[in-house]
C-alpha cells in the first residue's frame, strides 16, 4: 500500500471533514487516506489489517503527484511495481486506452527516480 495523502477526518462511516494533516491527541480519531495498492495480486486489506510506515519511494511519489485520476494513479502504480499489462489491469477494473497511455507515460517519466536520474 502506498499513501498519496490524507483526505480528511472521518465524521461517521459515510462522511469525512476535509483535512490534509493528521492530528495526534488522547482522543482516538479515524482518518480517510488516499491510498493505492502496490501489489496487484493481493486482495484488498481487511478492516483489521495493520500497516507500518516506510520510507518514501521517490518514483512512487512522482507517479502519485503526476497522475490526474484515481484510475490512472492505480494503473501507474501497478505498472511501476508489478510490470502489469493493459489486459491484466482490466481484470481488476475497466481502464480506457487513453488512461493506460497516460499511466505508462507517467511511469516512464517517474522511473528515472528509481535509477537516480533527475526529473526533466
PDB file of N, CA and C in Angstrom:
ATOM      1  N   UNK A   1       0.854  -1.162   0.000  1.00  0.00           N
ATOM      2  CA  UNK A   1       0.000   0.000   0.000  1.00  0.00           C
ATOM      3  C   UNK A   1       0.903   1.228   0.000  1.00  0.00           C
ATOM      4  N   UNK A   2       0.532   2.216  -0.771  1.00  0.00           N
ATOM      5  CA  UNK A   2       1.236   3.493  -0.787  1.00  0.00           C
ATOM      6  C   UNK A   2       0.191   4.590  -0.554  1.00  0.00           C
ATOM      7  N   UNK A   3       0.519   5.503   0.341  1.00  0.00           N
ATOM      8  CA  UNK A   3      -0.404   6.587   0.689  1.00  0.00           C
ATOM      9  C   UNK A   3      -0.011   7.842  -0.082  1.00  0.00           C
ATOM     10  N   UNK A   4      -0.968   8.393  -0.797  1.00  0.00           N
ATOM     11  CA  UNK A   4      -0.736   9.616  -1.560  1.00  0.00           C
ATOM     12  C   UNK A   4      -0.992  10.851  -0.716  1.00  0.00           C
ATOM     13  N   UNK A   5      -1.851  10.714   0.299  1.00  0.00           N
ATOM     14  CA  UNK A   5      -2.162  11.866   1.145  1.00  0.00           C
ATOM     15  C   UNK A   5      -3.315  11.579   2.086  1.00  0.00           C
ATOM     16  N   UNK A   6      -3.604  12.558   2.905  1.00  0.00           N
ATOM     17  CA  UNK A   6      -4.723  12.491   3.841  1.00  0.00           C
ATOM     18  C   UNK A   6      -5.893  13.223   3.199  1.00  0.00           C
ATOM     19  N   UNK A   7      -7.043  12.567   3.152  1.00  0.00           N
ATOM     20  CA  UNK A   7      -8.235  13.203   2.571  1.00  0.00           C
ATOM     21  C   UNK A   7      -9.034  13.952   3.627  1.00  0.00           C
ATOM     22  N   UNK A   8      -9.079  13.386   4.859  1.00  0.00           N
ATOM     23  CA  UNK A   8      -9.828  14.079   5.911  1.00  0.00           C
ATOM     24  C   UNK A   8     -10.042  13.232   7.139  1.00  0.00           C
ATOM     25  N   UNK A   9     -10.730  13.821   8.101  1.00  0.00           N
ATOM     26  CA  UNK A   9     -11.067  13.129   9.350  1.00  0.00           C
ATOM     27  C   UNK A   9     -12.494  12.610   9.254  1.00  0.00           C
ATOM     28  N   UNK A  10     -12.670  11.323   9.569  1.00  0.00           N
ATOM     29  CA  UNK A  10     -13.987  10.699   9.476  1.00  0.00           C
ATOM     30  C   UNK A  10     -14.938  11.294  10.495  1.00  0.00           C
ATOM     31  N   UNK A  11     -16.167  11.560  10.026  1.00  0.00           N
ATOM     32  CA  UNK A  11     -17.250  12.018  10.895  1.00  0.00           C
ATOM     33  C   UNK A  11     -18.075  10.807  11.307  1.00  0.00           C
ATOM     34  N   UNK A  12     -18.366   9.960  10.334  1.00  0.00           N
ATOM     35  CA  UNK A  12     -19.077   8.704  10.556  1.00  0.00           C
ATOM     36  C   UNK A  12     -18.664   7.758   9.436  1.00  0.00           C
ATOM     37  N   UNK A  13     -19.361   6.658   9.272  1.00  0.00           N
ATOM     38  CA  UNK A  13     -18.982   5.647   8.281  1.00  0.00           C
ATOM     39  C   UNK A  13     -19.059   6.141   6.838  1.00  0.00           C
ATOM     40  N   UNK A  14     -19.816   7.219   6.585  1.00  0.00           N
ATOM     41  CA  UNK A  14     -20.027   7.675   5.212  1.00  0.00           C
ATOM     42  C   UNK A  14     -19.542   9.085   4.914  1.00  0.00           C
ATOM     43  N   UNK A  15     -19.077   9.804   5.931  1.00  0.00           N
ATOM     44  CA  UNK A  15     -18.697  11.203   5.705  1.00  0.00           C
ATOM     45  C   UNK A  15     -17.362  11.514   6.399  1.00  0.00           C
ATOM     46  N   UNK A  16     -16.675  12.510   5.827  1.00  0.00           N
ATOM     47  CA  UNK A  16     -15.453  12.989   6.465  1.00  0.00           C
ATOM     48  C   UNK A  16     -15.320  14.485   6.237  1.00  0.00           C
ATOM     49  N   UNK A  17     -14.575  15.130   7.128  1.00  0.00           N
ATOM     50  CA  UNK A  17     -14.274  16.549   7.011  1.00  0.00           C
ATOM     51  C   UNK A  17     -12.908  16.657   6.346  1.00  0.00           C
ATOM     52  N   UNK A  18     -12.828  17.404   5.253  1.00  0.00           N
ATOM     53  CA  UNK A  18     -11.571  17.533   4.524  1.00  0.00           C
ATOM     54  C   UNK A  18     -10.486  18.121   5.423  1.00  0.00           C
ATOM     55  N   UNK A  19      -9.378  17.425   5.489  1.00  0.00           N
ATOM     56  CA  UNK A  19      -8.186  17.855   6.235  1.00  0.00           C
ATOM     57  C   UNK A  19      -6.991  17.242   5.522  1.00  0.00           C
ATOM     58  N   UNK A  20      -5.882  17.940   5.522  1.00  0.00           N
ATOM     59  CA  UNK A  20      -4.693  17.397   4.859  1.00  0.00           C
ATOM     60  C   UNK A  20      -3.647  16.889   5.845  1.00  0.00           C
ATOM     61  N   UNK A  21      -3.930  17.034   7.137  1.00  0.00           N
ATOM     62  CA  UNK A  21      -2.980  16.587   8.150  1.00  0.00           C
ATOM     63  C   UNK A  21      -3.669  15.727   9.197  1.00  0.00           C
ATOM     64  N   UNK A  22      -2.884  14.883   9.852  1.00  0.00           N
ATOM     65  CA  UNK A  22      -3.368  14.044  10.945  1.00  0.00           C
ATOM     66  C   UNK A  22      -2.910  14.672  12.244  1.00  0.00           C
ATOM     67  N   UNK A  23      -3.848  14.856  13.177  1.00  0.00           N
ATOM     68  CA  UNK A  23      -3.524  15.393  14.499  1.00  0.00           C
ATOM     69  C   UNK A  23      -3.537  14.260  15.507  1.00  0.00           C
ATOM     70  N   UNK A  24      -2.501  14.209  16.325  1.00  0.00           N
ATOM     71  CA  UNK A  24      -2.404  13.185  17.347  1.00  0.00           C
ATOM     72  C   UNK A  24      -2.877  13.782  18.664  1.00  0.00           C
ATOM     73  N   UNK A  25      -3.788  13.058  19.328  1.00  0.00           N
ATOM     74  CA  UNK A  25      -4.282  13.515  20.629  1.00  0.00           C
ATOM     75  C   UNK A  25      -4.663  12.293  21.461  1.00  0.00           C
ATOM     76  N   UNK A  26      -5.088  12.543  22.678  1.00  0.00           N
ATOM     77  CA  UNK A  26      -5.502  11.455  23.563  1.00  0.00           C
ATOM     78  C   UNK A  26      -6.805  10.822  23.082  1.00  0.00           C
ATOM     79  N   UNK A  27      -7.584  11.553  22.316  1.00  0.00           N
ATOM     80  CA  UNK A  27      -8.850  11.057  21.788  1.00  0.00           C
ATOM     81  C   UNK A  27      -8.600  10.349  20.456  1.00  0.00           C
ATOM     82  N   UNK A  28      -8.958   9.070  20.347  1.00  0.00           N
ATOM     83  CA  UNK A  28      -8.774   8.368  19.067  1.00  0.00           C
ATOM     84  C   UNK A  28      -9.596   9.010  17.954  1.00  0.00           C
ATOM     85  N   UNK A  29      -8.999   9.087  16.781  1.00  0.00           N
ATOM     86  CA  UNK A  29      -9.663   9.644  15.602  1.00  0.00           C
ATOM     87  C   UNK A  29      -9.425   8.716  14.425  1.00  0.00           C
ATOM     88  N   UNK A  30     -10.347   8.763  13.481  1.00  0.00           N
ATOM     89  CA  UNK A  30     -10.217   7.970  12.261  1.00  0.00           C
ATOM     90  C   UNK A  30     -10.050   8.922  11.087  1.00  0.00           C
ATOM     91  N   UNK A  31      -9.102   8.606  10.230  1.00  0.00           N
ATOM     92  CA  UNK A  31      -8.833   9.441   9.062  1.00  0.00           C
ATOM     93  C   UNK A  31      -9.030   8.649   7.778  1.00  0.00           C
ATOM     94  N   UNK A  32      -9.384   9.362   6.722  1.00  0.00           N
ATOM     95  CA  UNK A  32      -9.550   8.784   5.391  1.00  0.00           C
ATOM     96  C   UNK A  32      -8.293   9.134   4.602  1.00  0.00           C
ATOM     97  N   UNK A  33      -7.637   8.105   4.078  1.00  0.00           N
ATOM     98  CA  UNK A  33      -6.408   8.298   3.317  1.00  0.00           C
ATOM     99  C   UNK A  33      -6.639   8.057   1.836  1.00  0.00           C
ATOM    100  N   UNK A  34      -5.879   8.746   1.020  1.00  0.00           N
ATOM    101  CA  UNK A  34      -5.851   8.499  -0.418  1.00  0.00           C
ATOM    102  C   UNK A  34      -4.718   7.495  -0.626  1.00  0.00           C
ATOM    103  N   UNK A  35      -5.054   6.209  -0.768  1.00  0.00           N
ATOM    104  CA  UNK A  35      -4.043   5.153  -0.803  1.00  0.00           C
ATOM    105  C   UNK A  35      -4.266   4.228  -1.992  1.00  0.00           C
ATOM    106  N   UNK A  36      -3.162   3.614  -2.435  1.00  0.00           N
ATOM    107  CA  UNK A  36      -3.190   2.761  -3.618  1.00  0.00           C
ATOM    108  C   UNK A  36      -2.453   1.462  -3.344  1.00  0.00           C
ATOM    109  N   UNK A  37      -2.913   0.410  -3.975  1.00  0.00           N
ATOM    110  CA  UNK A  37      -2.332  -0.925  -3.829  1.00  0.00           C
ATOM    111  C   UNK A  37      -1.025  -0.996  -4.609  1.00  0.00           C
ATOM    112  N   UNK A  38       0.020  -1.557  -3.975  1.00  0.00           N
ATOM    113  CA  UNK A  38       1.307  -1.722  -4.659  1.00  0.00           C
ATOM    114  C   UNK A  38       1.573  -3.161  -5.079  1.00  0.00           C
ATOM    115  N   UNK A  39       0.651  -4.061  -4.780  1.00  0.00           N
ATOM    116  CA  UNK A  39       0.826  -5.474  -5.135  1.00  0.00           C
ATOM    117  C   UNK A  39      -0.430  -5.953  -5.850  1.00  0.00           C
ATOM    118  N   UNK A  40      -0.359  -6.031  -7.173  1.00  0.00           N
ATOM    119  CA  UNK A  40      -1.524  -6.344  -7.996  1.00  0.00           C
ATOM    120  C   UNK A  40      -2.223  -7.628  -7.568  1.00  0.00           C
ATOM    121  N   UNK A  41      -1.471  -8.623  -7.175  1.00  0.00           N
ATOM    122  CA  UNK A  41      -2.051  -9.934  -6.896  1.00  0.00           C
ATOM    123  C   UNK A  41      -2.689 -10.047  -5.510  1.00  0.00           C
ATOM    124  N   UNK A  42      -2.464  -9.092  -4.627  1.00  0.00           N
ATOM    125  CA  UNK A  42      -3.041  -9.179  -3.284  1.00  0.00           C
ATOM    126  C   UNK A  42      -4.486  -8.704  -3.278  1.00  0.00           C
ATOM    127  N   UNK A  43      -5.280  -9.269  -2.359  1.00  0.00           N
ATOM    128  CA  UNK A  43      -6.652  -8.816  -2.154  1.00  0.00           C
ATOM    129  C   UNK A  43      -6.640  -7.505  -1.371  1.00  0.00           C
ATOM    130  N   UNK A  44      -7.780  -6.831  -1.338  1.00  0.00           N
ATOM    131  CA  UNK A  44      -7.912  -5.611  -0.552  1.00  0.00           C
ATOM    132  C   UNK A  44      -7.701  -5.929   0.926  1.00  0.00           C
ATOM    133  N   UNK A  45      -7.100  -5.004   1.665  1.00  0.00           N
ATOM    134  CA  UNK A  45      -6.903  -5.257   3.093  1.00  0.00           C
ATOM    135  C   UNK A  45      -8.238  -5.285   3.834  1.00  0.00           C
ATOM    136  N   UNK A  46      -8.274  -6.038   4.931  1.00  0.00           N
ATOM    137  CA  UNK A  46      -9.476  -6.081   5.757  1.00  0.00           C
ATOM    138  C   UNK A  46      -9.455  -4.905   6.733  1.00  0.00           C
ATOM    139  N   UNK A  47     -10.540  -4.709   7.440  1.00  0.00           N
ATOM    140  CA  UNK A  47     -10.622  -3.621   8.418  1.00  0.00           C
ATOM    141  C   UNK A  47      -9.573  -3.769   9.514  1.00  0.00           C
ATOM    142  N   UNK A  48      -9.152  -4.990   9.797  1.00  0.00           N
ATOM    143  CA  UNK A  48      -8.176  -5.222  10.851  1.00  0.00           C
ATOM    144  C   UNK A  48      -6.725  -5.243  10.393  1.00  0.00           C
ATOM    145  N   UNK A  49      -6.478  -5.029   9.096  1.00  0.00           N
ATOM    146  CA  UNK A  49      -5.113  -5.053   8.586  1.00  0.00           C
ATOM    147  C   UNK A  49      -4.309  -3.894   9.159  1.00  0.00           C
ATOM    148  N   UNK A  50      -3.111  -4.196   9.601  1.00  0.00           N
ATOM    149  CA  UNK A  50      -2.230  -3.165  10.147  1.00  0.00           C
ATOM    150  C   UNK A  50      -1.107  -2.888   9.165  1.00  0.00           C
ATOM    151  N   UNK A  51      -0.667  -1.637   9.152  1.00  0.00           N
ATOM    152  CA  UNK A  51       0.411  -1.210   8.271  1.00  0.00           C
ATOM    153  C   UNK A  51       1.488  -0.510   9.089  1.00  0.00           C
ATOM    154  N   UNK A  52       2.704  -0.528   8.585  1.00  0.00           N
ATOM    155  CA  UNK A  52       3.802   0.233   9.169  1.00  0.00           C
ATOM    156  C   UNK A  52       4.254   1.264   8.153  1.00  0.00           C
ATOM    157  N   UNK A  53       4.620   2.429   8.635  1.00  0.00           N
ATOM    158  CA  UNK A  53       5.139   3.450   7.747  1.00  0.00           C
ATOM    159  C   UNK A  53       6.531   3.070   7.290  1.00  0.00           C
ATOM    160  N   UNK A  54       6.808   3.310   6.031  1.00  0.00           N
ATOM    161  CA  UNK A  54       8.119   3.024   5.474  1.00  0.00           C
ATOM    162  C   UNK A  54       8.698   4.278   4.853  1.00  0.00           C
ATOM    163  N   UNK A  55       9.811   4.116   4.190  1.00  0.00           N
ATOM    164  CA  UNK A  55      10.475   5.237   3.523  1.00  0.00           C
ATOM    165  C   UNK A  55       9.678   5.663   2.300  1.00  0.00           C
ATOM    166  N   UNK A  56       9.814   6.917   1.950  1.00  0.00           N
ATOM    167  CA  UNK A  56       9.170   7.446   0.750  1.00  0.00           C
ATOM    168  C   UNK A  56       9.948   6.943  -0.465  1.00  0.00           C
ATOM    169  N   UNK A  57       9.232   6.367  -1.411  1.00  0.00           N
ATOM    170  CA  UNK A  57       9.824   5.953  -2.678  1.00  0.00           C
ATOM    171  C   UNK A  57       9.687   7.133  -3.639  1.00  0.00           C
ATOM    172  N   UNK A  58      10.787   7.757  -4.048  1.00  0.00           N
ATOM    173  CA  UNK A  58      10.695   8.948  -4.900  1.00  0.00           C
ATOM    174  C   UNK A  58       9.944   8.705  -6.214  1.00  0.00           C
ATOM    175  N   UNK A  59      10.099   7.522  -6.799  1.00  0.00           N
ATOM    176  CA  UNK A  59       9.399   7.229  -8.057  1.00  0.00           C
ATOM    177  C   UNK A  59       7.887   7.147  -7.822  1.00  0.00           C
ATOM    178  N   UNK A  60       7.466   6.469  -6.740  1.00  0.00           N
ATOM    179  CA  UNK A  60       6.033   6.395  -6.445  1.00  0.00           C
ATOM    180  C   UNK A  60       5.476   7.775  -6.083  1.00  0.00           C
ATOM    181  N   UNK A  61       6.244   8.575  -5.372  1.00  0.00           N
ATOM    182  CA  UNK A  61       5.800   9.935  -5.047  1.00  0.00           C
ATOM    183  C   UNK A  61       5.596  10.745  -6.326  1.00  0.00           C
ATOM    184  N   UNK A  62       6.491  10.587  -7.263  1.00  0.00           N
ATOM    185  CA  UNK A  62       6.367  11.261  -8.563  1.00  0.00           C
ATOM    186  C   UNK A  62       5.111  10.799  -9.294  1.00  0.00           C
ATOM    187  N   UNK A  63       4.891   9.483  -9.330  1.00  0.00           N
ATOM    188  CA  UNK A  63       3.720   8.914 -10.010  1.00  0.00           C
ATOM    189  C   UNK A  63       2.429   9.458  -9.407  1.00  0.00           C
ATOM    190  N   UNK A  64       2.334   9.437  -8.087  1.00  0.00           N
ATOM    191  CA  UNK A  64       1.107   9.890  -7.425  1.00  0.00           C
ATOM    192  C   UNK A  64       0.890  11.385  -7.603  1.00  0.00           C
ATOM    193  N   UNK A  65       1.956  12.140  -7.710  1.00  0.00           N
ATOM    194  CA  UNK A  65       1.827  13.579  -7.925  1.00  0.00           C
ATOM    195  C   UNK A  65       1.497  13.952  -9.357  1.00  0.00           C
ATOM    196  N   UNK A  66       1.871  13.100 -10.298  1.00  0.00           N
ATOM    197  CA  UNK A  66       1.691  13.419 -11.716  1.00  0.00           C
ATOM    198  C   UNK A  66       0.366  12.937 -12.291  1.00  0.00           C
ATOM    199  N   UNK A  67      -0.190  11.881 -11.722  1.00  0.00           N
ATOM    200  CA  UNK A  67      -1.417  11.293 -12.284  1.00  0.00           C
ATOM    201  C   UNK A  67      -2.634  12.140 -11.932  1.00  0.00           C
ATOM    202  N   UNK A  68      -3.572  12.213 -12.853  1.00  0.00           N
ATOM    203  CA  UNK A  68      -4.716  13.110 -12.697  1.00  0.00           C
ATOM    204  C   UNK A  68      -5.971  12.457 -12.134  1.00  0.00           C
ATOM    205  N   UNK A  69      -6.052  11.137 -12.154  1.00  0.00           N
ATOM    206  CA  UNK A  69      -7.265  10.476 -11.669  1.00  0.00           C
ATOM    207  C   UNK A  69      -6.900   9.243 -10.855  1.00  0.00           C
ATOM    208  N   UNK A  70      -7.849   8.759 -10.092  1.00  0.00           N
ATOM    209  CA  UNK A  70      -7.651   7.555  -9.286  1.00  0.00           C
ATOM    210  C   UNK A  70      -7.257   6.375 -10.164  1.00  0.00           C
ATOM    211  N   UNK A  71      -7.944   6.198 -11.285  1.00  0.00           N
ATOM    212  CA  UNK A  71      -7.671   5.064 -12.170  1.00  0.00           C
ATOM    213  C   UNK A  71      -6.260   5.132 -12.750  1.00  0.00           C
ATOM    214  N   UNK A  72      -5.855   6.321 -13.183  1.00  0.00           N
ATOM    215  CA  UNK A  72      -4.519   6.484 -13.754  1.00  0.00           C
ATOM    216  C   UNK A  72      -3.460   6.267 -12.674  1.00  0.00           C
ATOM    217  N   UNK A  73      -3.693   6.793 -11.471  1.00  0.00           N
ATOM    218  CA  UNK A  73      -2.742   6.583 -10.376  1.00  0.00           C
ATOM    219  C   UNK A  73      -2.574   5.103 -10.080  1.00  0.00           C
ATOM    220  N   UNK A  74      -3.698   4.388  -9.930  1.00  0.00           N
ATOM    221  CA  UNK A  74      -3.601   2.966  -9.589  1.00  0.00           C
ATOM    222  C   UNK A  74      -2.926   2.177 -10.697  1.00  0.00           C
ATOM    223  N   UNK A  75      -3.291   2.432 -11.934  1.00  0.00           N
ATOM    224  CA  UNK A  75      -2.662   1.716 -13.051  1.00  0.00           C
ATOM    225  C   UNK A  75      -1.166   2.016 -13.102  1.00  0.00           C
ATOM    226  N   UNK A  76      -0.787   3.268 -12.921  1.00  0.00           N
ATOM    227  CA  UNK A  76       0.632   3.641 -12.966  1.00  0.00           C
ATOM    228  C   UNK A  76       1.414   2.978 -11.838  1.00  0.00           C
ATOM    229  N   UNK A  77       0.832   2.923 -10.655  1.00  0.00           N
ATOM    230  CA  UNK A  77       1.499   2.245  -9.539  1.00  0.00           C
ATOM    231  C   UNK A  77       1.746   0.781  -9.895  1.00  0.00           C
ATOM    232  N   UNK A  78       0.737   0.099 -10.423  1.00  0.00           N
ATOM    233  CA  UNK A  78       0.903  -1.315 -10.784  1.00  0.00           C
ATOM    234  C   UNK A  78       1.880  -1.509 -11.948  1.00  0.00           C
ATOM    235  N   UNK A  79       1.875  -0.602 -12.894  1.00  0.00           N
ATOM    236  CA  UNK A  79       2.848  -0.687 -13.991  1.00  0.00           C
ATOM    237  C   UNK A  79       4.257  -0.603 -13.408  1.00  0.00           C
ATOM    238  N   UNK A  80       4.444   0.312 -12.475  1.00  0.00           N
ATOM    239  CA  UNK A  80       5.757   0.508 -11.870  1.00  0.00           C
ATOM    240  C   UNK A  80       6.163  -0.648 -10.960  1.00  0.00           C
ATOM    241  N   UNK A  81       5.258  -1.070 -10.077  1.00  0.00           N
ATOM    242  CA  UNK A  81       5.622  -2.074  -9.074  1.00  0.00           C
ATOM    243  C   UNK A  81       5.564  -3.503  -9.597  1.00  0.00           C
ATOM    244  N   UNK A  82       4.616  -3.799 -10.489  1.00  0.00           N
ATOM    245  CA  UNK A  82       4.387  -5.192 -10.909  1.00  0.00           C
ATOM    246  C   UNK A  82       4.529  -5.430 -12.407  1.00  0.00           C
ATOM    247  N   UNK A  83       4.847  -4.383 -13.160  1.00  0.00           N
ATOM    248  CA  UNK A  83       5.006  -4.523 -14.618  1.00  0.00           C
ATOM    249  C   UNK A  83       3.772  -5.135 -15.272  1.00  0.00           C
ATOM    250  N   UNK A  84       2.587  -4.740 -14.811  1.00  0.00           N
ATOM    251  CA  UNK A  84       1.339  -5.309 -15.335  1.00  0.00           C
ATOM    252  C   UNK A  84       1.081  -4.842 -16.760  1.00  0.00           C
ATOM    253  N   UNK A  85       0.288  -5.614 -17.482  1.00  0.00           N
ATOM    254  CA  UNK A  85      -0.129  -5.271 -18.835  1.00  0.00           C
ATOM    255  C   UNK A  85      -1.501  -4.593 -18.779  1.00  0.00           C
ATOM    256  N   UNK A  86      -1.855  -3.972 -19.889  1.00  0.00           N
ATOM    257  CA  UNK A  86      -3.175  -3.340 -20.003  1.00  0.00           C
ATOM    258  C   UNK A  86      -4.279  -4.373 -19.756  1.00  0.00           C
ATOM    259  N   UNK A  87      -4.131  -5.522 -20.357  1.00  0.00           N
ATOM    260  CA  UNK A  87      -5.137  -6.593 -20.203  1.00  0.00           C
ATOM    261  C   UNK A  87      -5.260  -7.036 -18.738  1.00  0.00           C
ATOM    262  N   UNK A  88      -4.126  -7.151 -18.067  1.00  0.00           N
ATOM    263  CA  UNK A  88      -4.119  -7.592 -16.679  1.00  0.00           C
ATOM    264  C   UNK A  88      -4.822  -6.562 -15.781  1.00  0.00           C
ATOM    265  N   UNK A  89      -4.541  -5.278 -15.971  1.00  0.00           N
ATOM    266  CA  UNK A  89      -5.203  -4.224 -15.185  1.00  0.00           C
ATOM    267  C   UNK A  89      -6.706  -4.292 -15.390  1.00  0.00           C
ATOM    268  N   UNK A  90      -7.128  -4.534 -16.607  1.00  0.00           N
ATOM    269  CA  UNK A  90      -8.568  -4.575 -16.898  1.00  0.00           C
ATOM    270  C   UNK A  90      -9.267  -5.783 -16.289  1.00  0.00           C
ATOM    271  N   UNK A  91      -8.531  -6.691 -15.694  1.00  0.00           N
ATOM    272  CA  UNK A  91      -9.145  -7.767 -14.931  1.00  0.00           C
ATOM    273  C   UNK A  91      -9.630  -7.259 -13.567  1.00  0.00           C
ATOM    274  N   UNK A  92      -9.040  -6.174 -13.088  1.00  0.00           N
ATOM    275  CA  UNK A  92      -9.422  -5.603 -11.785  1.00  0.00           C
ATOM    276  C   UNK A  92     -10.433  -4.478 -11.946  1.00  0.00           C
ATOM    277  N   UNK A  93     -10.217  -3.607 -12.935  1.00  0.00           N
ATOM    278  CA  UNK A  93     -11.155  -2.521 -13.207  1.00  0.00           C
ATOM    279  C   UNK A  93     -10.987  -2.057 -14.646  1.00  0.00           C
ATOM    280  N   UNK A  94     -12.027  -1.456 -15.185  1.00  0.00           N
ATOM    281  CA  UNK A  94     -12.003  -1.006 -16.568  1.00  0.00           C
ATOM    282  C   UNK A  94     -11.169   0.270 -16.683  1.00  0.00           C
ATOM    283  N   UNK A  95     -10.210   0.232 -17.597  1.00  0.00           N
ATOM    284  CA  UNK A  95      -9.326   1.362 -17.841  1.00  0.00           C
ATOM    285  C   UNK A  95      -9.316   1.640 -19.335  1.00  0.00           C
ATOM    286  N   UNK A  96      -9.541   2.882 -19.702  1.00  0.00           N
ATOM    287  CA  UNK A  96      -9.548   3.240 -21.121  1.00  0.00           C
ATOM    288  C   UNK A  96      -8.122   3.213 -21.681  1.00  0.00           C
ATOM    289  N   UNK A  97      -8.031   3.121 -22.993  1.00  0.00           N
ATOM    290  CA  UNK A  97      -6.719   3.154 -23.658  1.00  0.00           C
ATOM    291  C   UNK A  97      -6.013   4.480 -23.378  1.00  0.00           C
ATOM    292  N   UNK A  98      -6.766   5.589 -23.335  1.00  0.00           N
ATOM    293  CA  UNK A  98      -6.133   6.888 -23.088  1.00  0.00           C
ATOM    294  C   UNK A  98      -5.610   6.983 -21.650  1.00  0.00           C
ATOM    295  N   UNK A  99      -6.333   6.412 -20.684  1.00  0.00           N
ATOM    296  CA  UNK A  99      -5.839   6.387 -19.313  1.00  0.00           C
ATOM    297  C   UNK A  99      -4.601   5.495 -19.204  1.00  0.00           C
ATOM    298  N   UNK A 100      -4.593   4.367 -19.922  1.00  0.00           N
ATOM    299  CA  UNK A 100      -3.424   3.492 -19.937  1.00  0.00           C
ATOM    300  C   UNK A 100      -2.215   4.233 -20.512  1.00  0.00           C
ATOM    301  N   UNK A 101      -2.430   4.957 -21.593  1.00  0.00           N
ATOM    302  CA  UNK A 101      -1.338   5.719 -22.210  1.00  0.00           C
ATOM    303  C   UNK A 101      -0.806   6.774 -21.238  1.00  0.00           C
ATOM    304  N   UNK A 102      -1.707   7.446 -20.537  1.00  0.00           N
ATOM    305  CA  UNK A 102      -1.284   8.443 -19.547  1.00  0.00           C
ATOM    306  C   UNK A 102      -0.475   7.779 -18.432  1.00  0.00           C
ATOM    307  N   UNK A 103      -0.942   6.639 -17.946  1.00  0.00           N
ATOM    308  CA  UNK A 103      -0.249   5.932 -16.861  1.00  0.00           C
ATOM    309  C   UNK A 103       1.143   5.487 -17.298  1.00  0.00           C
ATOM    310  N   UNK A 104       1.261   4.924 -18.488  1.00  0.00           N
ATOM    311  CA  UNK A 104       2.573   4.452 -18.945  1.00  0.00           C
ATOM    312  C   UNK A 104       3.536   5.625 -19.165  1.00  0.00           C
ATOM    313  N   UNK A 105       3.033   6.751 -19.655  1.00  0.00           N
ATOM    314  CA  UNK A 105       3.882   7.934 -19.846  1.00  0.00           C
ATOM    315  C   UNK A 105       4.386   8.456 -18.500  1.00  0.00           C
ATOM    316  N   UNK A 106       3.521   8.465 -17.499  1.00  0.00           N
ATOM    317  CA  UNK A 106       3.916   8.915 -16.157  1.00  0.00           C
ATOM    318  C   UNK A 106       4.983   7.993 -15.585  1.00  0.00           C
ATOM    319  N   UNK A 107       4.800   6.690 -15.744  1.00  0.00           N
ATOM    320  CA  UNK A 107       5.786   5.741 -15.219  1.00  0.00           C
ATOM    321  C   UNK A 107       7.131   5.936 -15.915  1.00  0.00           C
ATOM    322  N   UNK A 108       7.125   6.125 -17.224  1.00  0.00           N
ATOM    323  CA  UNK A 108       8.385   6.359 -17.944  1.00  0.00           C
ATOM    324  C   UNK A 108       9.097   7.590 -17.384  1.00  0.00           C
ATOM    325  N   UNK A 109       8.329   8.650 -17.153  1.00  0.00           N
ATOM    326  CA  UNK A 109       8.899   9.899 -16.629  1.00  0.00           C
ATOM    327  C   UNK A 109       9.420   9.710 -15.202  1.00  0.00           C
ATOM    328  N   UNK A 110       8.654   9.057 -14.366  1.00  0.00           N
ATOM    329  CA  UNK A 110       8.985   8.948 -12.938  1.00  0.00           C
ATOM    330  C   UNK A 110       9.961   7.832 -12.624  1.00  0.00           C
ATOM    331  N   UNK A 111      10.114   6.865 -13.498  1.00  0.00           N
ATOM    332  CA  UNK A 111      11.016   5.743 -13.236  1.00  0.00           C
ATOM    333  C   UNK A 111      12.467   6.217 -13.149  1.00  0.00           C
ATOM    334  N   UNK A 112      12.765   7.408 -13.672  1.00  0.00           N
ATOM    335  CA  UNK A 112      14.110   7.975 -13.557  1.00  0.00           C
ATOM    336  C   UNK A 112      14.549   8.066 -12.111  1.00  0.00           C
ATOM    337  N   UNK A 113      13.584   8.329 -11.206  1.00  0.00           N
ATOM    338  CA  UNK A 113      13.913   8.476  -9.804  1.00  0.00           C
ATOM    339  C   UNK A 113      14.463   7.180  -9.221  1.00  0.00           C
ATOM    340  N   UNK A 114      14.013   6.036  -9.727  1.00  0.00           N
ATOM    341  CA  UNK A 114      14.484   4.746  -9.223  1.00  0.00           C
ATOM    342  C   UNK A 114      15.952   4.524  -9.563  1.00  0.00           C
ATOM    343  N   UNK A 115      16.370   5.040 -10.704  1.00  0.00           N
ATOM    344  CA  UNK A 115      17.755   4.841 -11.130  1.00  0.00           C
ATOM    345  C   UNK A 115      18.647   6.008 -10.744  1.00  0.00           C
ATOM    346  N   UNK A 116      18.099   6.966  -9.993  1.00  0.00           N
ATOM    347  CA  UNK A 116      18.916   8.091  -9.534  1.00  0.00           C
ATOM    348  C   UNK A 116      18.979   9.235 -10.520  1.00  0.00           C
ATOM    349  N   UNK A 117      18.159   9.186 -11.570  1.00  0.00           N
ATOM    350  CA  UNK A 117      18.153  10.263 -12.546  1.00  0.00           C
ATOM    351  C   UNK A 117      17.426  11.487 -12.038  1.00  0.00           C
ATOM    352  N   UNK A 118      17.402  12.513 -12.827  1.00  0.00           N
ATOM    353  CA  UNK A 118      16.698  13.739 -12.441  1.00  0.00           C
ATOM    354  C   UNK A 118      15.327  13.772 -13.069  1.00  0.00           C
ATOM    355  N   UNK A 119      14.528  14.717 -12.680  1.00  0.00           N
ATOM    356  CA  UNK A 119      13.132  14.807 -13.100  1.00  0.00           C
ATOM    357  C   UNK A 119      12.975  15.779 -14.262  1.00  0.00           C
ATOM    358  N   UNK A 120      13.616  15.592 -15.373  1.00  0.00           N
ATOM    359  CA  UNK A 120      13.466  16.514 -16.501  1.00  0.00           C
ATOM    360  C   UNK A 120      12.644  15.912 -17.590  1.00  0.00           C
TER     361      UNK A 120
END
